[in-house]
Amino acid sequence: MKKPHIGGEWVLKRKLAASEPFRKEVFEIWEHYYEHKDSGEEISTTELDEINIRQVYNLYREKHHIPFPEEIRQIREQYGLSAAKMSEVLDLGANSFRNYENGEIPSLANAKLIRLAKEPQNFLNFVREKKSLFSAPAFDKLTKRIETLMGKDRMDTVVEYIWNFHLEANEFTGYTRPDFRKVAHFVLFFAEKVRPLKTRMNKLMFYCDFLNFQRTGLSVSGCNYRAIPFGPVPSHFHELFGVLEAEKYISIEEEMFDHGGTGERFVAKETFDPSLFTPEERETMEQVVRIFEDIRTQKIIEMSHSEIGWVENQEKRELISYQKYAFKLNDLPPGE
């Protein structure tokens, strides 16, 4: 984060504090601010204000089960409709659906409508009630598409298990809704760049997701992480990597070492698709590669064991909350 261009030395600080009211509600957030080293004066910047308000929005959405912008867009796209047409079908304002996709937070009533529309059977009922909005061919095409969706199991049981059934954005997904294809390319990125062993892959994913959350209030992948004896790892990582290998995104190849041990090396089998990631996400991913490229795996394990998110959760092997622990992440080398 950029320091303010004001005289003297300013230090980035974080403290737990009550937020400004949002829709008459107050939340406890990690308030970011700069403190003058000599005078103790506190100031903020536009960048820090954005991190602070993002936390409030995340907590408000989680509390009231309000879909996040990416999920709202995906709901619309599964039906092949424009944002304007979705607004019409759901009786929202003319530009409301587009505004919600762009980050505006719906009212609780409109959020409930959008959640209902996510399920094809519910949306089919909405469409039938608004049949007059469509030409006969368009109505037939849309209803057939919805009926096809109703016959699909869009998130199979194995994938649900991998994510501990945290399939919506919340504090354990870094307020990013899990998306299998994006996670596959998240792993592909490191497989292409580093060809890491499994232990190293787990740590690269953890640090990348938590560092991006610290910077933006959102994780990259939507993975949830569990504290186990060897450090923080993606939940059910064996199953996750097994599915990725079965789907031919990666291969995991056994490798013999000179000292007689073996390891499992990740090799990319697809080409990484950068369009799935924001510029901020790609920047974090590239920096994590630079940070850890010259650090031995054992040292990375030791670093992860000093993370408070691991320390406080490892005894019971609990999931690690992004909101609670990402802002307590240890200072990492610059990686430049």
C-alpha atoms as a PDB file:
ATOM      1  CA  MET A   1       0.000   0.000   0.000  1.00  0.00           C
ATOM      2  CA  LYS A   2       1.257   3.460  -0.876  1.00  0.00           C
ATOM      3  CA  LYS A   3       2.161   5.756   1.987  1.00  0.00           C
ATOM      4  CA  PRO A   4       0.733   9.289   2.044  1.00  0.00           C
ATOM      5  CA  HIS A   5       2.891  11.961   0.428  1.00  0.00           C
ATOM      6  CA  ILE A   6       3.021  14.127   3.547  1.00  0.00           C
ATOM      7  CA  GLY A   7       6.093  15.148   5.507  1.00  0.00           C
ATOM      8  CA  GLY A   8       7.566  12.788   8.065  1.00  0.00           C
ATOM      9  CA  GLU A   9       7.453   9.024   8.402  1.00  0.00           C
ATOM     10  CA  TRP A  10       4.053   7.325   8.335  1.00  0.00           C
ATOM     11  CA  VAL A  11       3.510   3.701   9.406  1.00  0.00           C
ATOM     12  CA  LEU A  12       0.630   1.499   8.253  1.00  0.00           C
ATOM     13  CA  LYS A  13      -1.432   0.329  11.230  1.00  0.00           C
ATOM     14  CA  ARG A  14      -4.470  -1.901  11.722  1.00  0.00           C
ATOM     15  CA  LYS A  15      -6.789  -2.165  14.699  1.00  0.00           C
ATOM     16  CA  LEU A  16     -10.091  -3.842  15.452  1.00  0.00           C
ATOM     17  CA  ALA A  17     -12.714  -1.119  15.515  1.00  0.00           C
ATOM     18  CA  ALA A  18     -16.414  -0.496  14.989  1.00  0.00           C
ATOM     19  CA  SER A  19     -17.226   0.546  11.434  1.00  0.00           C
ATOM     20  CA  GLU A  20     -19.248   3.529  10.351  1.00  0.00           C
ATOM     21  CA  PRO A  21     -22.943   2.546  10.183  1.00  0.00           C
ATOM     22  CA  PHE A  22     -24.055   0.913   6.935  1.00  0.00           C
ATOM     23  CA  ARG A  23     -27.811   0.618   6.518  1.00  0.00           C
ATOM     24  CA  LYS A  24     -28.060   1.276  10.255  1.00  0.00           C
ATOM     25  CA  GLU A  25     -25.734  -1.607  11.120  1.00  0.00           C
ATOM     26  CA  VAL A  26     -22.240  -1.483  12.603  1.00  0.00           C
ATOM     27  CA  PHE A  27     -19.590  -4.199  12.163  1.00  0.00           C
ATOM     28  CA  GLU A  28     -16.245  -4.925  13.770  1.00  0.00           C
ATOM     29  CA  ILE A  29     -13.543  -4.563  11.113  1.00  0.00           C
ATOM     30  CA  TRP A  30      -9.775  -4.305  10.853  1.00  0.00           C
ATOM     31  CA  GLU A  31      -9.528  -0.540  10.427  1.00  0.00           C
ATOM     32  CA  HIS A  32      -6.529   0.468   8.294  1.00  0.00           C
ATOM     33  CA  TYR A  33      -4.828   3.837   8.800  1.00  0.00           C
ATOM     34  CA  TYR A  34      -1.452   5.542   8.724  1.00  0.00           C
ATOM     35  CA  GLU A  35       0.092   6.815  11.951  1.00  0.00           C
ATOM     36  CA  HIS A  36       2.755   9.501  12.038  1.00  0.00           C
ATOM     37  CA  LYS A  37       5.849   8.051  13.724  1.00  0.00           C
ATOM     38  CA  ASP A  38       6.577  11.208  15.718  1.00  0.00           C
ATOM     39  CA  SER A  39       3.244  12.931  16.402  1.00  0.00           C
ATOM     40  CA  GLY A  40       0.949   9.882  16.525  1.00  0.00           C
ATOM     41  CA  GLU A  41      -1.459  11.635  14.130  1.00  0.00           C
ATOM     42  CA  GLU A  42      -3.711   9.228  12.246  1.00  0.00           C
ATOM     43  CA  ILE A  43      -4.832   9.690   8.650  1.00  0.00           C
ATOM     44  CA  SER A  44      -6.408   7.539   5.952  1.00  0.00           C
ATOM     45  CA  THR A  45      -6.143   7.358   2.170  1.00  0.00           C
ATOM     46  CA  THR A  46      -8.582   6.443  -0.559  1.00  0.00           C
ATOM     47  CA  GLU A  47      -6.937   3.031  -0.836  1.00  0.00           C
ATOM     48  CA  LEU A  48      -7.301   2.331   2.885  1.00  0.00           C
ATOM     49  CA  ASP A  49     -10.881   3.611   2.909  1.00  0.00           C
ATOM     50  CA  GLU A  50     -11.672   1.085   0.187  1.00  0.00           C
ATOM     51  CA  ILE A  51     -10.237  -1.789   2.248  1.00  0.00           C
ATOM     52  CA  ASN A  52     -12.237  -0.665   5.286  1.00  0.00           C
ATOM     53  CA  ILE A  53     -15.555  -0.321   3.472  1.00  0.00           C
ATOM     54  CA  ARG A  54     -14.986  -3.599   1.586  1.00  0.00           C
ATOM     55  CA  GLN A  55     -14.891  -5.394   4.937  1.00  0.00           C
ATOM     56  CA  VAL A  56     -18.192  -3.785   5.939  1.00  0.00           C
ATOM     57  CA  TYR A  57     -19.831  -4.777   2.659  1.00  0.00           C
ATOM     58  CA  ASN A  58     -18.487  -8.347   2.953  1.00  0.00           C
ATOM     59  CA  LEU A  59     -19.793  -8.741   6.505  1.00  0.00           C
ATOM     60  CA  TYR A  60     -23.172  -7.227   5.620  1.00  0.00           C
ATOM     61  CA  ARG A  61     -23.579  -9.539   2.617  1.00  0.00           C
ATOM     62  CA  GLU A  62     -22.569 -12.568   4.679  1.00  0.00           C
ATOM     63  CA  LYS A  63     -24.941 -11.727   7.534  1.00  0.00           C
ATOM     64  CA  HIS A  64     -27.931 -11.259   5.237  1.00  0.00           C
ATOM     65  CA  HIS A  65     -27.057 -13.941   2.639  1.00  0.00           C
ATOM     66  CA  ILE A  66     -26.737 -11.386  -0.147  1.00  0.00           C
ATOM     67  CA  PRO A  67     -25.016 -12.766  -3.254  1.00  0.00           C
ATOM     68  CA  PHE A  68     -21.716 -11.179  -4.259  1.00  0.00           C
ATOM     69  CA  PRO A  69     -21.364  -9.466  -7.678  1.00  0.00           C
ATOM     70  CA  GLU A  70     -19.638 -12.390  -9.393  1.00  0.00           C
ATOM     71  CA  GLU A  71     -22.339 -14.811  -8.285  1.00  0.00           C
ATOM     72  CA  ILE A  72     -25.057 -12.402  -9.423  1.00  0.00           C
ATOM     73  CA  ARG A  73     -23.441 -12.275 -12.861  1.00  0.00           C
ATOM     74  CA  GLN A  74     -23.145 -16.068 -12.981  1.00  0.00           C
ATOM     75  CA  ILE A  75     -26.821 -16.471 -12.078  1.00  0.00           C
ATOM     76  CA  ARG A  76     -27.781 -14.331 -15.069  1.00  0.00           C
ATOM     77  CA  GLU A  77     -25.311 -15.953 -17.463  1.00  0.00           C
ATOM     78  CA  GLN A  78     -26.558 -19.471 -16.752  1.00  0.00           C
ATOM     79  CA  TYR A  79     -29.859 -18.406 -18.345  1.00  0.00           C
ATOM     80  CA  GLY A  80     -28.272 -16.518 -21.244  1.00  0.00           C
ATOM     81  CA  LEU A  81     -30.166 -13.306 -20.544  1.00  0.00           C
ATOM     82  CA  SER A  82     -29.118  -9.666 -20.522  1.00  0.00           C
ATOM     83  CA  ALA A  83     -28.987  -7.730 -17.262  1.00  0.00           C
ATOM     84  CA  ALA A  84     -31.895  -5.592 -18.473  1.00  0.00           C
ATOM     85  CA  LYS A  85     -34.050  -8.658 -19.149  1.00  0.00           C
ATOM     86  CA  MET A  86     -33.212 -10.147 -15.742  1.00  0.00           C
ATOM     87  CA  SER A  87     -34.376  -6.903 -14.151  1.00  0.00           C
ATOM     88  CA  GLU A  88     -37.658  -7.165 -16.037  1.00  0.00           C
ATOM     89  CA  VAL A  89     -38.277 -10.795 -15.115  1.00  0.00           C
ATOM     90  CA  LEU A  90     -37.603 -10.133 -11.425  1.00  0.00           C
ATOM     91  CA  ASP A  91     -39.487  -6.803 -11.325  1.00  0.00           C
ATOM     92  CA  LEU A  92     -36.371  -4.860 -10.372  1.00  0.00           C
ATOM     93  CA  GLY A  93     -35.550  -1.328 -11.521  1.00  0.00           C
ATOM     94  CA  ALA A  94     -34.492  -0.907 -15.145  1.00  0.00           C
ATOM     95  CA  ASN A  95     -30.731  -0.939 -14.464  1.00  0.00           C
ATOM     96  CA  SER A  96     -30.790  -2.664 -11.088  1.00  0.00           C
ATOM     97  CA  PHE A  97     -29.403  -6.054 -12.092  1.00  0.00           C
ATOM     98  CA  ARG A  98     -26.502  -4.438 -13.958  1.00  0.00           C
ATOM     99  CA  ASN A  99     -25.780  -2.245 -10.947  1.00  0.00           C
ATOM    100  CA  TYR A 100     -25.783  -5.281  -8.651  1.00  0.00           C
ATOM    101  CA  GLU A 101     -23.302  -7.050 -10.933  1.00  0.00           C
ATOM    102  CA  ASN A 102     -21.100  -3.964 -10.714  1.00  0.00           C
ATOM    103  CA  GLY A 103     -21.039  -4.009  -6.913  1.00  0.00           C
ATOM    104  CA  GLU A 104     -24.117  -2.157  -5.669  1.00  0.00           C
ATOM    105  CA  ILE A 105     -25.641  -4.043  -2.729  1.00  0.00           C
ATOM    106  CA  PRO A 106     -29.286  -5.067  -3.290  1.00  0.00           C
ATOM    107  CA  SER A 107     -31.989  -4.442  -0.739  1.00  0.00           C
ATOM    108  CA  LEU A 108     -32.814  -7.488   1.375  1.00  0.00           C
ATOM    109  CA  ALA A 109     -36.017  -8.040  -0.620  1.00  0.00           C
ATOM    110  CA  ASN A 110     -34.198  -7.895  -3.964  1.00  0.00           C
ATOM    111  CA  ALA A 111     -31.409 -10.112  -2.653  1.00  0.00           C
ATOM    112  CA  LYS A 112     -34.001 -12.727  -1.766  1.00  0.00           C
ATOM    113  CA  LEU A 113     -35.406 -12.591  -5.308  1.00  0.00           C
ATOM    114  CA  ILE A 114     -31.939 -13.065  -6.776  1.00  0.00           C
ATOM    115  CA  ARG A 115     -31.249 -16.029  -4.473  1.00  0.00           C
ATOM    116  CA  LEU A 116     -34.530 -17.599  -5.558  1.00  0.00           C
ATOM    117  CA  ALA A 117     -33.665 -16.983  -9.217  1.00  0.00           C
ATOM    118  CA  LYS A 118     -30.449 -18.951  -8.788  1.00  0.00           C
ATOM    119  CA  GLU A 119     -32.467 -22.188  -8.685  1.00  0.00           C
ATOM    120  CA  PRO A 120     -33.728 -23.106 -12.178  1.00  0.00           C
ATOM    121  CA  GLN A 121     -37.113 -24.342 -10.949  1.00  0.00           C
ATOM    122  CA  ASN A 122     -37.808 -21.025  -9.233  1.00  0.00           C
ATOM    123  CA  PHE A 123     -36.625 -19.048 -12.236  1.00  0.00           C
ATOM    124  CA  LEU A 124     -38.804 -21.108 -14.558  1.00  0.00           C
ATOM    125  CA  ASN A 125     -41.804 -20.040 -12.476  1.00  0.00           C
ATOM    126  CA  PHE A 126     -40.733 -16.381 -12.733  1.00  0.00           C
ATOM    127  CA  VAL A 127     -40.329 -16.690 -16.517  1.00  0.00           C
ATOM    128  CA  ARG A 128     -43.750 -18.313 -16.955  1.00  0.00           C
ATOM    129  CA  GLU A 129     -45.330 -15.452 -15.015  1.00  0.00           C
ATOM    130  CA  LYS A 130     -43.605 -12.962 -17.351  1.00  0.00           C
ATOM    131  CA  LYS A 131     -44.171 -14.836 -20.603  1.00  0.00           C
ATOM    132  CA  SER A 132     -45.417 -11.630 -22.216  1.00  0.00           C
ATOM    133  CA  LEU A 133     -41.878 -10.185 -22.049  1.00  0.00           C
ATOM    134  CA  PHE A 134     -40.661 -12.715 -24.636  1.00  0.00           C
ATOM    135  CA  SER A 135     -41.433 -13.604 -28.218  1.00  0.00           C
ATOM    136  CA  ALA A 136     -42.747 -17.148 -28.639  1.00  0.00           C
ATOM    137  CA  PRO A 137     -39.400 -18.491 -29.984  1.00  0.00           C
ATOM    138  CA  ALA A 138     -37.417 -16.724 -27.248  1.00  0.00           C
ATOM    139  CA  PHE A 139     -39.716 -18.076 -24.549  1.00  0.00           C
ATOM    140  CA  ASP A 140     -39.429 -21.641 -25.869  1.00  0.00           C
ATOM    141  CA  LYS A 141     -35.631 -21.375 -26.119  1.00  0.00           C
ATOM    142  CA  LEU A 142     -35.311 -20.020 -22.589  1.00  0.00           C
ATOM    143  CA  THR A 143     -37.617 -22.578 -20.981  1.00  0.00           C
ATOM    144  CA  LYS A 144     -35.740 -25.418 -22.678  1.00  0.00           C
ATOM    145  CA  ARG A 145     -32.458 -24.005 -21.379  1.00  0.00           C
ATOM    146  CA  ILE A 146     -33.841 -23.796 -17.849  1.00  0.00           C
ATOM    147  CA  GLU A 147     -35.226 -27.338 -18.024  1.00  0.00           C
ATOM    148  CA  THR A 148     -31.793 -28.565 -19.134  1.00  0.00           C
ATOM    149  CA  LEU A 149     -30.230 -26.869 -16.113  1.00  0.00           C
ATOM    150  CA  MET A 150     -32.791 -28.525 -13.861  1.00  0.00           C
ATOM    151  CA  GLY A 151     -31.538 -31.883 -15.023  1.00  0.00           C
ATOM    152  CA  LYS A 152     -27.912 -31.141 -14.224  1.00  0.00           C
ATOM    153  CA  ASP A 153     -26.039 -31.642 -11.001  1.00  0.00           C
ATOM    154  CA  ARG A 154     -23.959 -28.491 -11.382  1.00  0.00           C
ATOM    155  CA  MET A 155     -21.765 -29.075  -8.328  1.00  0.00           C
ATOM    156  CA  ASP A 156     -21.193 -32.755  -7.779  1.00  0.00           C
ATOM    157  CA  THR A 157     -20.828 -34.304  -4.360  1.00  0.00           C
ATOM    158  CA  VAL A 158     -17.050 -34.620  -4.512  1.00  0.00           C
ATOM    159  CA  VAL A 159     -16.571 -30.909  -5.197  1.00  0.00           C
ATOM    160  CA  GLU A 160     -19.023 -29.983  -2.444  1.00  0.00           C
ATOM    161  CA  TYR A 161     -17.005 -32.132  -0.044  1.00  0.00           C
ATOM    162  CA  ILE A 162     -13.726 -30.506  -1.104  1.00  0.00           C
ATOM    163  CA  TRP A 163     -15.090 -27.102  -0.155  1.00  0.00           C
ATOM    164  CA  ASN A 164     -16.648 -28.323   3.098  1.00  0.00           C
ATOM    165  CA  PHE A 165     -20.006 -27.298   1.642  1.00  0.00           C
ATOM    166  CA  HIS A 166     -18.899 -23.645   1.821  1.00  0.00           C
ATOM    167  CA  LEU A 167     -20.220 -23.009  -1.682  1.00  0.00           C
ATOM    168  CA  GLU A 168     -21.246 -19.417  -1.051  1.00  0.00           C
ATOM    169  CA  ALA A 169     -18.947 -16.481  -0.365  1.00  0.00           C
ATOM    170  CA  ASN A 170     -18.149 -16.188   3.357  1.00  0.00           C
ATOM    171  CA  GLU A 171     -15.275 -15.583   5.783  1.00  0.00           C
ATOM    172  CA  PHE A 172     -13.799 -19.030   5.050  1.00  0.00           C
ATOM    173  CA  THR A 173     -13.784 -18.539   1.264  1.00  0.00           C
ATOM    174  CA  GLY A 174     -12.389 -15.019   1.494  1.00  0.00           C
ATOM    175  CA  TYR A 175     -15.761 -13.660   0.350  1.00  0.00           C
ATOM    176  CA  THR A 176     -15.129 -15.175  -3.075  1.00  0.00           C
ATOM    177  CA  ARG A 177     -17.585 -17.773  -4.312  1.00  0.00           C
ATOM    178  CA  PRO A 178     -15.714 -20.998  -5.136  1.00  0.00           C
ATOM    179  CA  ASP A 179     -15.507 -21.676  -8.862  1.00  0.00           C
ATOM    180  CA  PHE A 180     -13.952 -24.962  -9.905  1.00  0.00           C
ATOM    181  CA  ARG A 181     -12.509 -23.728 -13.207  1.00  0.00           C
ATOM    182  CA  LYS A 182     -10.887 -20.692 -11.599  1.00  0.00           C
ATOM    183  CA  VAL A 183      -9.380 -22.860  -8.862  1.00  0.00           C
ATOM    184  CA  ALA A 184      -8.056 -25.221 -11.545  1.00  0.00           C
ATOM    185  CA  HIS A 185      -6.278 -22.352 -13.283  1.00  0.00           C
ATOM    186  CA  PHE A 186      -5.076 -20.990  -9.936  1.00  0.00           C
ATOM    187  CA  VAL A 187      -3.262 -24.297  -9.412  1.00  0.00           C
ATOM    188  CA  LEU A 188      -2.206 -24.320 -13.082  1.00  0.00           C
ATOM    189  CA  PHE A 189      -0.513 -20.955 -12.658  1.00  0.00           C
ATOM    190  CA  PHE A 190       1.841 -22.280  -9.995  1.00  0.00           C
ATOM    191  CA  ALA A 191       2.312 -25.574 -11.856  1.00  0.00           C
ATOM    192  CA  GLU A 192       3.421 -23.653 -14.957  1.00  0.00           C
ATOM    193  CA  LYS A 193       5.584 -21.110 -13.154  1.00  0.00           C
ATOM    194  CA  VAL A 194       7.194 -23.223 -10.447  1.00  0.00           C
ATOM    195  CA  ARG A 195       6.431 -26.942 -10.989  1.00  0.00           C
ATOM    196  CA  PRO A 196       6.263 -27.219  -7.190  1.00  0.00           C
ATOM    197  CA  LEU A 197       6.107 -30.263  -4.993  1.00  0.00           C
ATOM    198  CA  LYS A 198       2.777 -30.779  -3.209  1.00  0.00           C
ATOM    199  CA  THR A 199       3.812 -29.222   0.114  1.00  0.00           C
ATOM    200  CA  ARG A 200       5.072 -26.115  -1.653  1.00  0.00           C
ATOM    201  CA  MET A 201       1.900 -25.879  -3.763  1.00  0.00           C
ATOM    202  CA  ASN A 202      -0.248 -25.876  -0.617  1.00  0.00           C
ATOM    203  CA  LYS A 203       1.747 -23.005   0.884  1.00  0.00           C
ATOM    204  CA  LEU A 204       1.840 -20.959  -2.328  1.00  0.00           C
ATOM    205  CA  MET A 205      -1.943 -21.184  -2.553  1.00  0.00           C
ATOM    206  CA  PHE A 206      -2.418 -20.220   1.082  1.00  0.00           C
ATOM    207  CA  TYR A 207      -0.108 -17.220   0.998  1.00  0.00           C
ATOM    208  CA  CYS A 208      -1.480 -16.014  -2.326  1.00  0.00           C
ATOM    209  CA  ASP A 209      -5.112 -16.145  -1.190  1.00  0.00           C
ATOM    210  CA  PHE A 210      -4.493 -14.573   2.223  1.00  0.00           C
ATOM    211  CA  LEU A 211      -2.161 -11.887   0.857  1.00  0.00           C
ATOM    212  CA  ASN A 212      -4.702 -10.920  -1.796  1.00  0.00           C
ATOM    213  CA  PHE A 213      -7.415 -10.744   0.870  1.00  0.00           C
ATOM    214  CA  GLN A 214      -5.190  -8.508   2.983  1.00  0.00           C
ATOM    215  CA  ARG A 215      -4.805  -6.157   0.012  1.00  0.00           C
ATOM    216  CA  THR A 216      -8.285  -6.210  -1.483  1.00  0.00           C
ATOM    217  CA  GLY A 217     -10.718  -7.819   0.972  1.00  0.00           C
ATOM    218  CA  LEU A 218     -11.202 -10.798  -1.369  1.00  0.00           C
ATOM    219  CA  SER A 219      -9.344 -14.085  -1.857  1.00  0.00           C
ATOM    220  CA  VAL A 220      -8.239 -15.155  -5.323  1.00  0.00           C
ATOM    221  CA  SER A 221      -9.578 -18.707  -5.435  1.00  0.00           C
ATOM    222  CA  GLY A 222     -12.387 -18.998  -2.891  1.00  0.00           C
ATOM    223  CA  CYS A 223     -10.612 -21.991  -1.340  1.00  0.00           C
ATOM    224  CA  ASN A 224     -10.949 -22.556   2.379  1.00  0.00           C
ATOM    225  CA  TYR A 225      -7.861 -23.542   4.343  1.00  0.00           C
ATOM    226  CA  ARG A 226      -7.443 -25.847   7.295  1.00  0.00           C
ATOM    227  CA  ALA A 227      -4.706 -25.810   9.939  1.00  0.00           C
ATOM    228  CA  ILE A 228      -3.058 -29.253  10.018  1.00  0.00           C
ATOM    229  CA  PRO A 229       0.286 -30.305  11.591  1.00  0.00           C
ATOM    230  CA  PHE A 230       2.239 -29.477   8.418  1.00  0.00           C
ATOM    231  CA  GLY A 231       0.774 -25.967   8.206  1.00  0.00           C
ATOM    232  CA  PRO A 232      -2.227 -24.341   6.497  1.00  0.00           C
ATOM    233  CA  VAL A 233      -3.479 -26.267   3.471  1.00  0.00           C
ATOM    234  CA  PRO A 234      -6.520 -26.175   1.155  1.00  0.00           C
ATOM    235  CA  SER A 235      -9.227 -28.314   2.732  1.00  0.00           C
ATOM    236  CA  HIS A 236      -9.254 -31.873   1.372  1.00  0.00           C
ATOM    237  CA  PHE A 237      -6.296 -30.994  -0.836  1.00  0.00           C
ATOM    238  CA  HIS A 238      -5.695 -34.630  -1.756  1.00  0.00           C
ATOM    239  CA  GLU A 239      -9.194 -34.855  -3.224  1.00  0.00           C
ATOM    240  CA  LEU A 240      -8.890 -31.428  -4.880  1.00  0.00           C
ATOM    241  CA  PHE A 241      -5.651 -32.291  -6.627  1.00  0.00           C
ATOM    242  CA  GLY A 242      -7.009 -35.728  -7.532  1.00  0.00           C
ATOM    243  CA  VAL A 243     -10.007 -34.191  -9.290  1.00  0.00           C
ATOM    244  CA  LEU A 244      -7.756 -31.689 -11.095  1.00  0.00           C
ATOM    245  CA  GLU A 245      -5.580 -34.560 -12.288  1.00  0.00           C
ATOM    246  CA  ALA A 246      -8.599 -36.612 -13.361  1.00  0.00           C
ATOM    247  CA  GLU A 247      -9.898 -33.624 -15.333  1.00  0.00           C
ATOM    248  CA  LYS A 248      -6.459 -33.360 -16.998  1.00  0.00           C
ATOM    249  CA  TYR A 249      -5.593 -29.896 -15.763  1.00  0.00           C
ATOM    250  CA  ILE A 250      -2.413 -31.199 -14.133  1.00  0.00           C
ATOM    251  CA  SER A 251      -0.416 -34.359 -13.650  1.00  0.00           C
ATOM    252  CA  ILE A 252       1.244 -35.199 -10.343  1.00  0.00           C
ATOM    253  CA  GLU A 253       4.458 -37.073 -11.048  1.00  0.00           C
ATOM    254  CA  GLU A 254       6.462 -38.984  -8.466  1.00  0.00           C
ATOM    255  CA  GLU A 255      10.059 -37.813  -8.307  1.00  0.00           C
ATOM    256  CA  MET A 256      13.082 -39.538  -6.784  1.00  0.00           C
ATOM    257  CA  PHE A 257      15.661 -37.424  -4.943  1.00  0.00           C
ATOM    258  CA  ASP A 258      19.399 -38.006  -4.543  1.00  0.00           C
ATOM    259  CA  HIS A 259      19.019 -38.592  -0.798  1.00  0.00           C
ATOM    260  CA  GLY A 260      16.583 -41.442  -1.506  1.00  0.00           C
ATOM    261  CA  GLY A 261      13.313 -39.701  -0.724  1.00  0.00           C
ATOM    262  CA  THR A 262      10.427 -39.096  -3.084  1.00  0.00           C
ATOM    263  CA  GLY A 263       8.068 -36.214  -3.789  1.00  0.00           C
ATOM    264  CA  GLU A 264       5.059 -35.412  -5.924  1.00  0.00           C
ATOM    265  CA  ARG A 265       5.761 -32.796  -8.586  1.00  0.00           C
ATOM    266  CA  PHE A 266       2.974 -30.724 -10.190  1.00  0.00           C
ATOM    267  CA  VAL A 267       3.097 -30.471 -13.992  1.00  0.00           C
ATOM    268  CA  ALA A 268       0.667 -28.311 -15.997  1.00  0.00           C
ATOM    269  CA  LYS A 269      -1.335 -30.117 -18.688  1.00  0.00           C
ATOM    270  CA  GLU A 270      -3.472 -27.149 -19.738  1.00  0.00           C
ATOM    271  CA  THR A 271      -2.493 -23.595 -20.620  1.00  0.00           C
ATOM    272  CA  PHE A 272      -3.108 -21.069 -17.872  1.00  0.00           C
ATOM    273  CA  ASP A 273      -5.948 -18.649 -18.708  1.00  0.00           C
ATOM    274  CA  PRO A 274      -5.166 -15.186 -17.264  1.00  0.00           C
ATOM    275  CA  SER A 275      -8.585 -13.825 -18.288  1.00  0.00           C
ATOM    276  CA  LEU A 276     -10.140 -15.630 -15.307  1.00  0.00           C
ATOM    277  CA  PHE A 277      -8.278 -13.330 -12.902  1.00  0.00           C
ATOM    278  CA  THR A 278      -8.313  -9.615 -12.209  1.00  0.00           C
ATOM    279  CA  PRO A 279      -5.148  -7.534 -12.693  1.00  0.00           C
ATOM    280  CA  GLU A 280      -4.855  -7.269  -8.893  1.00  0.00           C
ATOM    281  CA  GLU A 281      -5.122 -11.034  -8.507  1.00  0.00           C
ATOM    282  CA  ARG A 282      -2.502 -11.670 -11.189  1.00  0.00           C
ATOM    283  CA  GLU A 283      -0.176  -9.164  -9.550  1.00  0.00           C
ATOM    284  CA  THR A 284      -0.475 -10.977  -6.211  1.00  0.00           C
ATOM    285  CA  MET A 285       0.092 -14.352  -7.857  1.00  0.00           C
ATOM    286  CA  GLU A 286       3.223 -13.129  -9.626  1.00  0.00           C
ATOM    287  CA  GLN A 287       4.565 -11.556  -6.450  1.00  0.00           C
ATOM    288  CA  VAL A 288       4.036 -14.734  -4.412  1.00  0.00           C
ATOM    289  CA  VAL A 289       6.101 -16.623  -6.984  1.00  0.00           C
ATOM    290  CA  ARG A 290       8.876 -14.034  -6.666  1.00  0.00           C
ATOM    291  CA  ILE A 291       8.710 -14.025  -2.859  1.00  0.00           C
ATOM    292  CA  PHE A 292       9.143 -17.763  -2.500  1.00  0.00           C
ATOM    293  CA  GLU A 293      11.248 -18.699  -5.541  1.00  0.00           C
ATOM    294  CA  ASP A 294      14.503 -18.772  -3.564  1.00  0.00           C
ATOM    295  CA  ILE A 295      13.078 -19.944  -0.229  1.00  0.00           C
ATOM    296  CA  ARG A 296      13.411 -23.627   0.551  1.00  0.00           C
ATOM    297  CA  THR A 297      10.260 -25.621   1.225  1.00  0.00           C
ATOM    298  CA  GLN A 298      11.245 -26.364   4.832  1.00  0.00           C
ATOM    299  CA  LYS A 299      11.628 -22.638   5.466  1.00  0.00           C
ATOM    300  CA  ILE A 300       8.181 -21.963   3.992  1.00  0.00           C
ATOM    301  CA  ILE A 301       6.724 -24.588   6.342  1.00  0.00           C
ATOM    302  CA  GLU A 302       8.425 -22.865   9.268  1.00  0.00           C
ATOM    303  CA  MET A 303       7.057 -19.492   8.133  1.00  0.00           C
ATOM    304  CA  SER A 304       3.530 -20.901   7.911  1.00  0.00           C
ATOM    305  CA  HIS A 305       3.868 -22.342  11.442  1.00  0.00           C
ATOM    306  CA  SER A 306       4.454 -18.829  12.756  1.00  0.00           C
ATOM    307  CA  GLU A 307       1.197 -17.537  11.242  1.00  0.00           C
ATOM    308  CA  ILE A 308      -1.324 -16.786  13.987  1.00  0.00           C
ATOM    309  CA  GLY A 309      -4.107 -18.235  11.821  1.00  0.00           C
ATOM    310  CA  TRP A 310      -2.351 -21.604  11.954  1.00  0.00           C
ATOM    311  CA  VAL A 311      -1.244 -21.334  15.591  1.00  0.00           C
ATOM    312  CA  GLU A 312      -4.741 -20.686  16.921  1.00  0.00           C
ATOM    313  CA  ASN A 313      -6.471 -23.351  14.806  1.00  0.00           C
ATOM    314  CA  GLN A 314      -4.039 -26.237  14.430  1.00  0.00           C
ATOM    315  CA  GLU A 315      -4.894 -28.050  17.662  1.00  0.00           C
ATOM    316  CA  LYS A 316      -8.444 -28.808  16.467  1.00  0.00           C
ATOM    317  CA  ARG A 317      -7.589 -28.639  12.762  1.00  0.00           C
ATOM    318  CA  GLU A 318     -10.099 -25.842  12.265  1.00  0.00           C
ATOM    319  CA  LEU A 319     -10.751 -23.798   9.137  1.00  0.00           C
ATOM    320  CA  ILE A 320      -8.881 -20.475   9.064  1.00  0.00           C
ATOM    321  CA  SER A 321     -11.006 -17.331   8.744  1.00  0.00           C
ATOM    322  CA  TYR A 322      -9.729 -14.812   6.216  1.00  0.00           C
ATOM    323  CA  GLN A 323     -11.463 -11.914   7.974  1.00  0.00           C
ATOM    324  CA  LYS A 324      -9.967 -12.812  11.334  1.00  0.00           C
ATOM    325  CA  TYR A 325      -6.428 -13.717  10.290  1.00  0.00           C
ATOM    326  CA  ALA A 326      -5.433 -12.286   6.876  1.00  0.00           C
ATOM    327  CA  PHE A 327      -4.737  -8.865   8.356  1.00  0.00           C
ATOM    328  CA  LYS A 328      -2.466 -10.559  10.911  1.00  0.00           C
ATOM    329  CA  LEU A 329      -0.390 -12.236   8.204  1.00  0.00           C
ATOM    330  CA  ASN A 330       3.340 -12.034   8.916  1.00  0.00           C
ATOM    331  CA  ASP A 331       5.311  -9.509   6.897  1.00  0.00           C
ATOM    332  CA  LEU A 332       6.590 -11.260   3.783  1.00  0.00           C
ATOM    333  CA  PRO A 333       9.807 -10.488   1.888  1.00  0.00           C
ATOM    334  CA  PRO A 334       9.196  -7.959  -0.931  1.00  0.00           C
ATOM    335  CA  GLY A 335       9.845 -10.510  -3.671  1.00  0.00           C
ATOM    336  CA  GLU A 336      11.051  -7.884  -6.096  1.00  0.00           C
END
